[in-house]
Protein backbone atom coordinates (compact mmCIF):
# COMPACT_ATOMS: atom_id res chain seq x y z
CA UNK A 1 -33.98 5.18 -2.31
CA UNK A 2 -33.32 8.12 -4.64
CA UNK A 3 -30.55 7.50 -7.19
CA UNK A 4 -27.42 9.53 -6.48
CA UNK A 5 -24.05 10.15 -8.13
CA UNK A 6 -22.66 7.05 -6.39
CA UNK A 7 -25.42 4.90 -7.93
CA UNK A 8 -24.58 6.37 -11.33
CA UNK A 9 -20.82 5.80 -11.22
CA UNK A 10 -20.54 2.35 -9.58
CA UNK A 11 -21.85 0.16 -12.48
CA UNK A 12 -19.59 1.80 -15.08
CA UNK A 13 -16.50 1.45 -12.92
CA UNK A 14 -17.32 -2.23 -12.33
CA UNK A 15 -17.66 -2.79 -16.09
CA UNK A 16 -14.18 -1.35 -16.72
CA UNK A 17 -12.72 -3.38 -13.84
CA UNK A 18 -13.96 -6.60 -15.45
CA UNK A 19 -11.99 -5.80 -18.60
CA UNK A 20 -8.96 -6.68 -16.48
CA UNK A 21 -5.69 -5.07 -17.53
CA UNK A 22 -7.28 -3.13 -20.39
CA UNK A 23 -9.41 -1.16 -17.99
CA UNK A 24 -6.90 -0.35 -15.23
CA UNK A 25 -6.32 3.23 -16.33
CA UNK A 26 -9.99 3.74 -17.18
CA UNK A 27 -11.04 2.47 -13.76
CA UNK A 28 -8.62 4.88 -12.12
CA UNK A 29 -9.87 7.81 -14.19
CA UNK A 30 -13.50 6.92 -13.49
CA UNK A 31 -12.79 6.73 -9.77
CA UNK A 32 -11.15 10.16 -9.86
CA UNK A 33 -14.12 11.58 -11.76
CA UNK A 34 -16.60 9.92 -9.40
CA UNK A 35 -14.82 11.25 -6.33
CA UNK A 36 -14.93 14.76 -7.74
CA UNK A 37 -18.61 14.44 -8.69
CA UNK A 38 -19.84 12.93 -5.43
CA UNK A 39 -20.85 15.09 -2.51
CA UNK A 40 -18.85 14.85 0.71
CA UNK A 41 -19.09 11.30 2.11
CA UNK A 42 -21.05 9.97 -0.84
CA UNK A 43 -18.04 8.41 -2.62
CA UNK A 44 -17.69 5.78 0.12
CA UNK A 45 -21.20 4.48 -0.65
CA UNK A 46 -19.80 2.72 -3.72
CA UNK A 47 -17.93 0.23 -1.51
CA UNK A 48 -19.18 -2.87 0.30
CA UNK A 49 -19.65 -2.51 4.02
CA UNK A 50 -21.03 1.02 3.94
CA UNK A 51 -24.30 1.23 5.85
CA UNK A 52 -25.91 2.92 2.82
CA UNK A 53 -23.98 1.18 0.04
CA UNK A 54 -25.24 1.44 -3.53
CA UNK A 55 -27.22 -1.50 -4.90
CA UNK A 56 -24.21 -2.68 -6.95
CA UNK A 57 -21.06 -1.97 -4.88
CA UNK A 58 -17.65 -2.04 -6.54
CA UNK A 59 -15.83 -5.41 -6.57
CA UNK A 60 -12.84 -3.97 -4.67
CA UNK A 61 -12.22 -1.95 -1.54
CA UNK A 62 -11.27 1.65 -0.85
CA UNK A 63 -7.55 0.83 -0.49
CA UNK A 64 -7.49 -0.67 -3.99
CA UNK A 65 -9.44 2.35 -5.25
CA UNK A 66 -6.85 4.71 -3.79
CA UNK A 67 -4.08 2.83 -5.61
CA UNK A 68 -5.99 2.81 -8.91
CA UNK A 69 -6.49 6.57 -8.66
CA UNK A 70 -2.77 6.99 -7.95
CA UNK A 71 -2.03 5.05 -11.16
CA UNK A 72 -4.41 7.22 -13.19
CA UNK A 73 -2.88 10.39 -11.70
CA UNK A 74 0.70 9.41 -12.58
CA UNK A 75 1.48 11.28 -15.83
CA UNK A 76 4.19 8.88 -17.08
CA UNK A 77 1.83 5.93 -16.62
CA UNK A 78 -1.34 7.63 -17.83
CA UNK A 79 0.16 8.47 -21.25
CA UNK A 80 -1.40 6.10 -23.77
CA UNK A 81 1.86 6.00 -25.76
CA UNK A 82 3.52 4.09 -22.90
CA UNK A 83 0.70 1.55 -22.47
CA UNK A 84 2.25 -1.30 -24.53
CA UNK A 85 5.42 -1.14 -22.40
CA UNK A 86 3.71 -1.09 -19.02
CA UNK A 87 3.12 -4.14 -16.78
CA UNK A 88 -0.29 -5.72 -17.12
CA UNK A 89 -1.05 -5.80 -13.38
CA UNK A 90 -2.49 -2.95 -11.36
CA UNK A 91 -0.43 -3.97 -8.32
CA UNK A 92 2.78 -3.74 -10.35
CA UNK A 93 1.66 -0.45 -11.87
CA UNK A 94 1.07 0.92 -8.38
CA UNK A 95 4.67 0.08 -7.46
CA UNK A 96 5.76 2.20 -10.43
CA UNK A 97 3.81 5.21 -9.09
CA UNK A 98 6.45 5.40 -6.35
CA UNK A 99 9.07 6.31 -9.00
CA UNK A 100 9.59 9.75 -10.50
CA UNK A 101 8.09 10.26 -13.97
CA UNK A 102 11.62 10.62 -15.31
CA UNK A 103 12.58 7.25 -13.83
CA UNK A 104 9.57 5.58 -15.44
CA UNK A 105 10.31 7.01 -18.89
CA UNK A 106 14.00 6.11 -18.59
CA UNK A 107 13.08 2.61 -17.37
CA UNK A 108 10.86 2.04 -20.41
CA UNK A 109 13.58 3.23 -22.80
CA UNK A 110 16.20 1.05 -21.07
CA UNK A 111 13.95 -2.02 -21.18
CA UNK A 112 13.83 -2.22 -17.38
CA UNK A 113 10.08 -1.60 -17.36
CA UNK A 114 8.25 -4.13 -19.50
CA UNK A 115 4.76 -5.53 -19.97
CA UNK A 116 5.67 -8.78 -18.21
CA UNK A 117 7.66 -7.39 -15.28
CA UNK A 118 6.69 -8.51 -11.78
CA UNK A 119 5.73 -6.45 -8.76
CA UNK A 120 9.01 -7.41 -7.06
CA UNK A 121 10.98 -6.20 -10.10
CA UNK A 122 9.09 -2.91 -10.07
CA UNK A 123 9.78 -2.44 -6.37
CA UNK A 124 13.48 -3.16 -6.92
CA UNK A 125 13.70 -0.13 -9.24
CA UNK A 126 13.17 2.18 -6.29
CA UNK A 127 16.28 3.82 -4.91
CA UNK A 128 17.91 2.18 -1.92
CA UNK A 129 16.64 4.03 1.20
CA UNK A 130 20.25 4.47 2.32
CA UNK A 131 20.90 6.47 -0.87
CA UNK A 132 18.17 9.03 -0.21
CA UNK A 133 19.79 11.99 1.60
CA UNK A 134 17.76 13.66 4.29
CA UNK A 135 15.14 10.93 4.52
CA UNK A 136 13.93 10.41 8.13
CA UNK A 137 15.11 7.19 9.80
CA UNK A 138 11.57 5.84 10.26
CA UNK A 139 10.85 6.25 6.54
CA UNK A 140 14.12 4.50 5.66
CA UNK A 141 13.17 1.59 7.91
CA UNK A 142 9.64 1.30 6.47
CA UNK A 143 10.96 1.47 2.89
CA UNK A 144 13.61 -1.14 3.60
CA UNK A 145 11.07 -3.57 5.08
CA UNK A 146 8.63 -3.04 2.19
CA UNK A 147 11.37 -3.55 -0.37
CA UNK A 148 12.65 -6.71 1.33
CA UNK A 149 9.17 -8.24 1.40
CA UNK A 150 8.59 -7.40 -2.27
CA UNK A 151 11.95 -8.92 -3.21
CA UNK A 152 11.45 -12.20 -1.35
CA UNK A 153 7.75 -12.74 -1.99
CA UNK A 154 8.47 -13.87 -5.53
CA UNK A 155 10.37 -16.85 -4.12
CA UNK A 156 7.37 -18.23 -2.27
CA UNK A 157 5.79 -21.10 -4.16
CA UNK A 158 3.41 -22.79 -1.72
CA UNK A 159 0.55 -21.81 0.62
CA UNK A 160 2.57 -23.10 3.57
CA UNK A 161 5.41 -20.70 2.82
CA UNK A 162 3.01 -17.76 2.59
CA UNK A 163 1.45 -18.72 5.94
CA UNK A 164 4.89 -19.02 7.54
CA UNK A 165 6.02 -15.59 6.34
CA UNK A 166 2.69 -13.97 7.25
CA UNK A 167 2.96 -15.27 10.80
CA UNK A 168 6.51 -13.98 11.13
CA UNK A 169 5.42 -10.55 9.87
CA UNK A 170 2.49 -10.57 12.32
CA UNK A 171 4.96 -11.40 15.09
CA UNK A 172 7.07 -8.40 14.06
CA UNK A 173 4.00 -6.14 14.12
CA UNK A 174 3.18 -7.30 17.64
CA UNK A 175 6.74 -6.53 18.70
CA UNK A 176 6.44 -3.02 17.25
CA UNK A 177 3.16 -2.46 19.12
CA UNK A 178 4.73 -3.61 22.39
CA UNK A 179 7.77 -1.40 21.82
CA UNK A 180 5.53 1.59 21.07
CA UNK A 181 3.47 0.97 24.23
CA UNK A 182 6.59 0.65 26.37
CA UNK A 183 8.10 3.88 25.04
CA UNK A 184 4.81 5.72 25.55
CA UNK A 185 4.76 4.47 29.15
CA UNK A 186 8.37 5.57 29.61
CA UNK A 187 7.48 9.08 28.44
CA UNK A 188 4.59 9.19 30.91
CA UNK A 189 6.86 8.05 33.75
CA UNK A 190 9.45 10.68 32.81
CA UNK A 191 6.78 13.38 33.05
CA UNK A 192 5.72 12.35 36.57
CA UNK A 193 7.03 14.31 39.58
CA UNK A 194 10.15 12.80 41.07
CA UNK A 195 9.40 10.01 43.55
CA UNK A 196 5.76 9.57 42.54
CA UNK A 197 6.47 6.17 41.05
CA UNK A 198 4.14 4.08 38.92
CA UNK A 199 2.40 0.78 39.71
CA UNK A 200 3.14 -0.50 36.22
CA UNK A 201 6.79 0.49 36.18
CA UNK A 202 8.21 -2.95 36.88
CA UNK A 203 5.89 -4.67 34.42
CA UNK A 204 6.54 -2.23 31.59
CA UNK A 205 10.29 -2.25 32.03
CA UNK A 206 10.56 -6.04 32.06
CA UNK A 207 12.87 -7.33 29.41
CA UNK A 208 11.61 -9.52 26.58
CA UNK A 209 13.38 -11.29 23.73
CA UNK A 210 13.44 -9.57 20.35
CA UNK A 211 11.88 -11.50 17.45
CA UNK A 212 13.82 -12.95 14.60
CA UNK A 213 12.61 -10.98 11.60
CA UNK A 214 14.70 -12.29 8.73
CA UNK A 215 12.82 -13.94 5.84
CA UNK A 216 15.56 -16.30 4.95
CA UNK A 217 15.29 -19.99 4.13
């Protein structure tokens, strides 16, 4: 197969990735450059699972790549002068991309952002959803759940605890899917002519218990 831009960029990005924390920003920058250089659809060939993947696919997926590019595109993080004060984990750095540049700079000066901070600590720096005026209710809910998980995950110290929490979260996701399906069905029923009825009406309107979603001990 003829060598393409994807074949050219993949090995270099992998080399930077293997430098661990030292290469986080470089990996992000290389990904940005590769995405700009590749023709439409070609960028995805650098990842495993593509039907025409390059001979040496990247050792991470597209979701990780998106986060690494977000890190590289965040001015307050990308500045080399701040590097010694930044956390040495790409996942923690990604949490910081959700802050304003001013918040990041202020956090570094105040000693709140440090090289050894955890992902949960980075997430905790984000403003409380209730304090963000004008934010839609669904975004407040999603932010609150994400922040709660990040705060509690640091307390898990065994595989069994991780499995337990994961199953509870999966149960919550199933509940959300069922709620979404029921509301969609209700909208369909409301749009039907009066008296037309629906064979699934009784089944869809049946009550069910709500899950317990707290992550307490």
